[in-house]
Amino acid sequence: MNLQEVLLIGGMGYVGRQLRNPLLNASYKVHVIDRNIAEQKENDNIEFYECLLSDESVLREVLQRCSTIFYLASDSVPTTTMRSPSREAELNLLPFLKFLDIFQNYSYKHLIYFSSGGTIYGNSDVISVNESSPVAPISNHGAGKAAIESFLHVCGGQCDNRITILRPSNLYGPYQPYVTGFGIIRSMMEKIRRDESIEIWGDGEITRDYLYIDDLVSACLACINFVKQQKGYQIFNVSSGQSLSINQLCEEIEDVTEKRLKRFYLPGRTIDVKSVILDYSRIKKELGWQPIIGIKEGLKRTWEWVKKQPF
């Protein structure tokens, strides 16, 4: 019996690494494309390809074999391209469009693209945003995501492929790398562990929701398993449904770690959305998915992992 084959583009990032084993455990054959492959093959059902998306020969070879493609690659966060829209295009938009040039020549594939629930809606006039809410990003990073979604909408109408866009909220959990400007929960826990101060832009009343990595992985699996129930082009918010201000998050982390977090408040930034609360009722209704890890439990699990990491 041939295994269903899945491609992870940008599969060496946080989400790709956490998605890999659940796919293998669910009896999928996994292919990973990334520009840096820093590990050895340990399973007969996984293949690694160290290359850029500009390597058409590799991409064409793998696309022929895979029925589901997760596009996880992203080389920016809102701060990295804050004053450089051309840099956002260079890092993310153009590589994706080169991939799309090739992808649209195939039929009956399922492309699952990771967009952003945190940046794409901008400062909405409503408390909770759903997939029909206006897209109005206020950062170049969010604008890049919105542009890619628009190209995918066109692709969905012109080819015989399924397109699913996931708009996840802020991810956190064990194994998330400590990278400046990425992953506020991971950063706060690292700062508290090192007895260093965390920079908070604005008054700390910016509101977000935070999604535990295992819940995101289960949403990804649901997208594959229920593909026949989806429309040709679909968008899903993926979130915890629970919102916290930055100040409230600090307090939750202090409670879990039993340590005091040093906070250093700085003037607010124009790229920071004031409030993002994602309504996940569509994915719950259509795919039967809902989050199961609450913020308190998720923070406990994450802290247990973080405090064991080497400095």
Protein backbone atom coordinates (compact mmCIF):
# COMPACT_ATOMS: atom_id res chain seq x y z
CA MET A 1 0.00 0.00 0.00
CA ASN A 2 1.42 3.35 -1.07
CA LEU A 3 1.57 6.04 1.60
CA GLN A 4 0.03 9.42 0.96
CA GLU A 5 2.89 11.88 0.49
CA VAL A 6 3.08 15.34 2.05
CA LEU A 7 5.50 18.17 1.28
CA LEU A 8 6.64 20.69 3.90
CA ILE A 9 8.14 23.77 2.25
CA GLY A 10 10.15 25.59 4.90
CA GLY A 11 9.88 22.40 6.93
CA MET A 12 12.90 23.11 9.15
CA GLY A 13 11.13 25.96 10.93
CA TYR A 14 9.24 25.71 14.19
CA VAL A 15 5.91 24.59 12.72
CA GLY A 16 7.50 22.21 10.24
CA ARG A 17 9.52 20.45 12.91
CA GLN A 18 6.47 20.02 15.14
CA LEU A 19 4.27 18.84 12.28
CA ARG A 20 6.72 16.26 10.98
CA ASN A 21 6.39 13.48 13.56
CA PRO A 22 2.57 13.61 13.82
CA LEU A 23 2.46 13.19 10.03
CA LEU A 24 4.83 10.24 10.18
CA ASN A 25 2.83 8.72 13.04
CA ALA A 26 -0.31 9.09 10.92
CA SER A 27 1.38 7.01 8.18
CA TYR A 28 2.22 9.79 5.75
CA LYS A 29 5.46 9.91 3.79
CA VAL A 30 7.00 13.34 4.45
CA HIS A 31 9.19 15.42 2.16
CA VAL A 32 10.98 18.48 3.58
CA ILE A 33 12.33 21.32 1.45
CA ASP A 34 14.45 23.94 3.17
CA ARG A 35 17.57 25.94 2.36
CA ASN A 36 19.28 24.60 5.48
CA ILE A 37 18.95 20.95 6.47
CA ALA A 38 20.82 20.48 9.73
CA GLU A 39 19.97 16.88 10.59
CA GLN A 40 20.28 13.33 9.37
CA LYS A 41 17.49 11.16 8.02
CA GLU A 42 16.25 8.86 10.80
CA ASN A 43 13.09 7.46 9.21
CA ASP A 44 12.57 5.71 5.90
CA ASN A 45 9.37 7.70 5.37
CA ILE A 46 11.01 11.13 5.37
CA GLU A 47 13.12 12.77 2.66
CA PHE A 48 15.10 16.01 2.96
CA TYR A 49 15.99 18.39 0.13
CA GLU A 50 18.42 21.20 0.87
CA CYS A 51 17.68 23.78 -1.80
CA LEU A 52 16.03 27.10 -2.57
CA LEU A 53 12.58 27.41 -4.10
CA SER A 54 14.34 28.64 -7.21
CA ASP A 55 15.57 25.07 -7.77
CA GLU A 56 12.77 24.09 -10.14
CA SER A 57 14.03 20.59 -10.82
CA VAL A 58 13.73 19.54 -7.17
CA LEU A 59 10.38 21.26 -6.75
CA ARG A 60 8.90 19.64 -9.85
CA GLU A 61 10.15 16.21 -8.81
CA VAL A 62 8.59 16.43 -5.34
CA LEU A 63 5.34 18.06 -6.44
CA GLN A 64 4.67 15.15 -8.77
CA ARG A 65 4.69 12.81 -5.79
CA CYS A 66 2.90 14.83 -3.10
CA SER A 67 -0.86 15.33 -2.89
CA THR A 68 -0.69 17.80 0.02
CA ILE A 69 1.72 20.72 0.28
CA PHE A 70 2.23 22.85 3.39
CA TYR A 71 3.82 26.19 2.53
CA LEU A 72 5.47 27.23 5.80
CA ALA A 73 8.37 29.31 4.53
CA SER A 74 8.60 32.88 5.82
CA ASP A 75 11.69 35.02 6.30
CA SER A 76 10.28 38.04 8.10
CA VAL A 77 8.29 39.30 11.06
CA PRO A 78 6.67 42.76 11.18
CA THR A 79 9.82 44.41 12.58
CA THR A 80 12.27 43.05 10.01
CA THR A 81 10.63 44.77 7.02
CA MET A 82 9.06 47.68 8.91
CA ARG A 83 10.33 50.40 6.55
CA SER A 84 11.15 48.28 3.52
CA PRO A 85 8.25 46.95 1.43
CA SER A 86 10.71 45.86 -1.26
CA ARG A 87 12.54 43.74 1.32
CA GLU A 88 9.25 42.02 2.22
CA ALA A 89 8.71 41.29 -1.47
CA GLU A 90 12.25 39.96 -1.83
CA LEU A 91 12.07 37.72 1.23
CA ASN A 92 8.57 36.30 0.92
CA LEU A 93 6.38 37.47 -1.95
CA LEU A 94 8.69 36.79 -4.91
CA PRO A 95 9.83 33.33 -3.71
CA PHE A 96 6.21 32.34 -3.20
CA LEU A 97 5.19 33.55 -6.66
CA LYS A 98 8.02 31.56 -8.23
CA PHE A 99 6.67 28.51 -6.41
CA LEU A 100 3.15 29.33 -7.61
CA ASP A 101 4.37 29.51 -11.22
CA ILE A 102 5.27 25.83 -10.92
CA PHE A 103 2.46 24.68 -8.64
CA GLN A 104 -0.34 25.88 -10.91
CA ASN A 105 0.82 23.48 -13.63
CA TYR A 106 -0.27 20.52 -11.48
CA SER A 107 -3.79 19.28 -10.84
CA TYR A 108 -5.61 17.74 -7.88
CA LYS A 109 -3.12 18.95 -5.29
CA HIS A 110 -3.99 20.49 -1.93
CA LEU A 111 -1.95 23.54 -0.95
CA ILE A 112 -2.16 24.66 2.68
CA TYR A 113 -0.65 28.12 3.09
CA PHE A 114 0.31 29.59 6.46
CA SER A 115 -0.82 33.20 6.56
CA SER A 116 -1.16 35.33 9.71
CA GLY A 117 -4.13 35.96 11.94
CA GLY A 118 -2.15 38.46 13.97
CA THR A 119 -1.23 40.94 11.22
CA ILE A 120 -3.60 40.54 8.30
CA TYR A 121 -6.76 42.06 9.80
CA GLY A 122 -5.13 45.23 11.10
CA ASN A 123 -7.04 47.32 13.62
CA SER A 124 -10.55 46.00 13.16
CA ASP A 125 -13.68 47.87 14.22
CA VAL A 126 -15.11 44.72 15.79
CA ILE A 127 -13.92 42.85 18.88
CA SER A 128 -13.69 39.40 17.28
CA VAL A 129 -12.73 38.98 13.63
CA ASN A 130 -13.81 36.15 11.36
CA GLU A 131 -12.66 35.14 7.90
CA SER A 132 -15.15 37.54 6.27
CA SER A 133 -13.79 40.55 8.14
CA PRO A 134 -11.92 43.12 6.04
CA VAL A 135 -8.23 42.54 5.44
CA ALA A 136 -6.41 45.76 6.36
CA PRO A 137 -2.79 45.10 7.42
CA ILE A 138 -0.76 47.92 8.96
CA SER A 139 2.69 46.35 8.44
CA ASN A 140 4.62 45.33 5.33
CA HIS A 141 4.75 41.80 6.68
CA GLY A 142 0.95 41.69 6.90
CA ALA A 143 0.64 43.30 3.48
CA GLY A 144 2.84 40.58 2.03
CA LYS A 145 0.62 37.90 3.53
CA ALA A 146 -2.47 39.63 2.13
CA ALA A 147 -0.88 39.85 -1.33
CA ILE A 148 -0.07 36.14 -1.32
CA GLU A 149 -3.64 35.34 -0.28
CA SER A 150 -4.88 37.37 -3.26
CA PHE A 151 -2.68 35.45 -5.67
CA LEU A 152 -3.93 32.20 -4.14
CA HIS A 153 -7.52 33.33 -4.67
CA VAL A 154 -6.73 33.79 -8.36
CA CYS A 155 -4.96 30.43 -8.50
CA GLY A 156 -7.92 28.71 -6.87
CA GLY A 157 -10.18 29.94 -9.64
CA GLN A 158 -7.87 28.97 -12.48
CA CYS A 159 -6.62 25.47 -11.63
CA ASP A 160 -7.91 22.14 -10.35
CA ASN A 161 -6.20 22.38 -6.99
CA ARG A 162 -7.55 22.92 -3.51
CA ILE A 163 -6.29 25.97 -1.65
CA THR A 164 -6.55 26.24 2.14
CA ILE A 165 -5.28 29.33 3.95
CA LEU A 166 -4.67 29.07 7.68
CA ARG A 167 -4.56 32.27 9.70
CA PRO A 168 -3.13 31.20 13.06
CA SER A 169 -2.86 33.39 16.12
CA ASN A 170 0.39 33.79 18.08
CA LEU A 171 2.08 30.41 18.42
CA TYR A 172 3.95 29.14 21.44
CA GLY A 173 5.02 25.90 23.06
CA PRO A 174 7.98 23.59 23.67
CA TYR A 175 10.81 23.52 21.11
CA GLN A 176 10.14 27.07 19.94
CA PRO A 177 13.57 28.63 19.32
CA TYR A 178 14.63 31.77 21.14
CA VAL A 179 14.91 34.37 18.37
CA THR A 180 14.90 38.14 18.90
CA GLY A 181 11.60 39.66 17.78
CA PHE A 182 9.84 36.30 17.41
CA GLY A 183 7.60 34.47 19.88
CA ILE A 184 6.66 36.70 22.78
CA ILE A 185 5.95 33.87 25.24
CA ARG A 186 9.26 32.15 24.48
CA SER A 187 11.04 35.51 24.80
CA MET A 188 9.39 36.36 28.12
CA MET A 189 10.24 32.98 29.59
CA GLU A 190 13.84 33.25 28.42
CA LYS A 191 14.17 36.73 29.90
CA ILE A 192 12.71 35.63 33.21
CA ARG A 193 15.05 32.64 33.27
CA ARG A 194 18.07 34.87 32.64
CA ASP A 195 16.85 37.57 35.04
CA GLU A 196 16.81 40.09 32.18
CA SER A 197 14.20 42.70 31.31
CA ILE A 198 11.70 42.34 28.48
CA GLU A 199 10.94 45.29 26.20
CA ILE A 200 7.22 46.04 25.90
CA TRP A 201 6.20 48.44 23.18
CA GLY A 202 3.39 50.70 24.38
CA ASP A 203 1.45 50.46 27.62
CA GLY A 204 1.06 46.68 27.56
CA GLU A 205 -2.66 46.80 26.84
CA ILE A 206 -2.31 45.41 23.31
CA THR A 207 -4.54 42.31 23.17
CA ARG A 208 -3.70 39.02 21.48
CA ASP A 209 -4.69 35.37 21.63
CA TYR A 210 -2.09 32.65 21.90
CA LEU A 211 -2.28 29.21 20.30
CA TYR A 212 -0.45 26.19 21.70
CA ILE A 213 1.60 24.40 19.04
CA ASP A 214 -0.13 21.02 19.49
CA ASP A 215 -3.48 22.63 18.71
CA LEU A 216 -2.10 24.08 15.50
CA VAL A 217 -0.73 20.68 14.50
CA SER A 218 -4.13 19.07 15.06
CA ALA A 219 -5.69 21.75 12.84
CA CYS A 220 -3.19 20.90 10.10
CA LEU A 221 -4.07 17.22 10.31
CA ALA A 222 -7.76 18.10 10.21
CA CYS A 223 -7.19 20.00 6.96
CA ILE A 224 -5.75 16.87 5.35
CA ASN A 225 -8.23 14.40 6.79
CA PHE A 226 -11.31 16.39 5.85
CA VAL A 227 -10.16 17.67 2.49
CA LYS A 228 -13.21 16.23 0.70
CA GLN A 229 -15.49 18.38 2.83
CA GLN A 230 -13.73 21.60 1.89
CA LYS A 231 -14.45 24.00 -0.94
CA GLY A 232 -11.80 24.56 -3.59
CA TYR A 233 -10.65 27.75 -1.85
CA GLN A 234 -11.06 28.17 1.88
CA ILE A 235 -9.74 30.34 4.71
CA PHE A 236 -9.66 29.33 8.37
CA ASN A 237 -8.79 31.28 11.48
CA VAL A 238 -6.95 29.01 13.91
CA SER A 239 -6.90 30.34 17.46
CA SER A 240 -7.34 29.61 21.14
CA GLY A 241 -10.42 31.80 21.46
CA GLN A 242 -8.94 33.31 24.64
CA SER A 243 -7.47 36.81 24.60
CA LEU A 244 -4.95 38.44 26.93
CA SER A 245 -3.30 41.82 27.06
CA ILE A 246 0.49 41.86 27.18
CA ASN A 247 0.27 42.89 30.84
CA GLN A 248 -2.07 40.00 31.61
CA LEU A 249 0.27 37.62 29.81
CA CYS A 250 3.15 38.86 31.97
CA GLU A 251 1.11 38.10 35.07
CA GLU A 252 0.20 34.61 33.84
CA ILE A 253 3.85 33.84 33.13
CA GLU A 254 4.89 35.17 36.54
CA ASP A 255 2.30 32.92 38.14
CA VAL A 256 3.49 29.82 36.26
CA THR A 257 7.21 30.45 36.75
CA GLU A 258 6.87 31.87 40.28
CA LYS A 259 9.35 34.54 39.22
CA ARG A 260 9.13 38.25 38.64
CA LEU A 261 9.39 39.46 35.05
CA LYS A 262 11.30 42.71 34.65
CA ARG A 263 9.36 44.94 32.26
CA PHE A 264 10.80 47.85 30.30
CA TYR A 265 8.09 49.91 28.59
CA LEU A 266 8.90 51.75 25.36
CA PRO A 267 6.79 54.03 23.14
CA GLY A 268 4.26 52.19 20.99
CA ARG A 269 4.98 51.28 17.36
CA THR A 270 2.82 51.93 14.29
CA ILE A 271 3.22 48.32 13.10
CA ASP A 272 1.58 46.82 16.20
CA VAL A 273 -2.10 45.94 15.87
CA LYS A 274 -3.97 47.07 19.00
CA SER A 275 -6.25 44.09 19.37
CA VAL A 276 -6.57 40.75 17.57
CA ILE A 277 -9.11 38.17 18.69
CA LEU A 278 -9.77 35.48 16.12
CA ASP A 279 -13.14 33.75 15.76
CA TYR A 280 -12.44 30.07 14.96
CA SER A 281 -16.08 29.00 14.53
CA ARG A 282 -15.68 28.28 10.80
CA ILE A 283 -12.97 25.63 11.21
CA LYS A 284 -14.91 24.17 14.13
CA LYS A 285 -18.06 23.88 12.02
CA GLU A 286 -16.47 22.63 8.80
CA LEU A 287 -13.60 20.48 10.05
CA GLY A 288 -14.65 19.64 13.59
CA TRP A 289 -11.50 21.26 15.03
CA GLN A 290 -11.23 23.21 18.25
CA PRO A 291 -8.35 24.00 20.64
CA ILE A 292 -7.93 21.85 23.73
CA ILE A 293 -4.92 23.38 25.52
CA GLY A 294 -5.79 26.45 27.60
CA ILE A 295 -3.29 29.21 28.24
CA LYS A 296 -2.51 28.15 31.81
CA GLU A 297 -1.76 24.55 30.87
CA GLY A 298 0.12 25.62 27.75
CA LEU A 299 2.34 27.99 29.70
CA LYS A 300 3.09 25.29 32.28
CA ARG A 301 4.15 22.82 29.60
CA THR A 302 6.25 25.44 27.84
CA TRP A 303 8.01 26.56 31.03
CA GLU A 304 8.85 22.97 31.95
CA TRP A 305 10.65 22.69 28.62
CA VAL A 306 12.26 26.16 28.62
CA LYS A 307 13.87 25.87 32.05
CA LYS A 308 15.67 22.68 30.97
CA GLN A 309 17.32 24.33 27.97
CA PRO A 310 21.02 25.27 27.97
CA PHE A 311 21.91 28.95 28.05
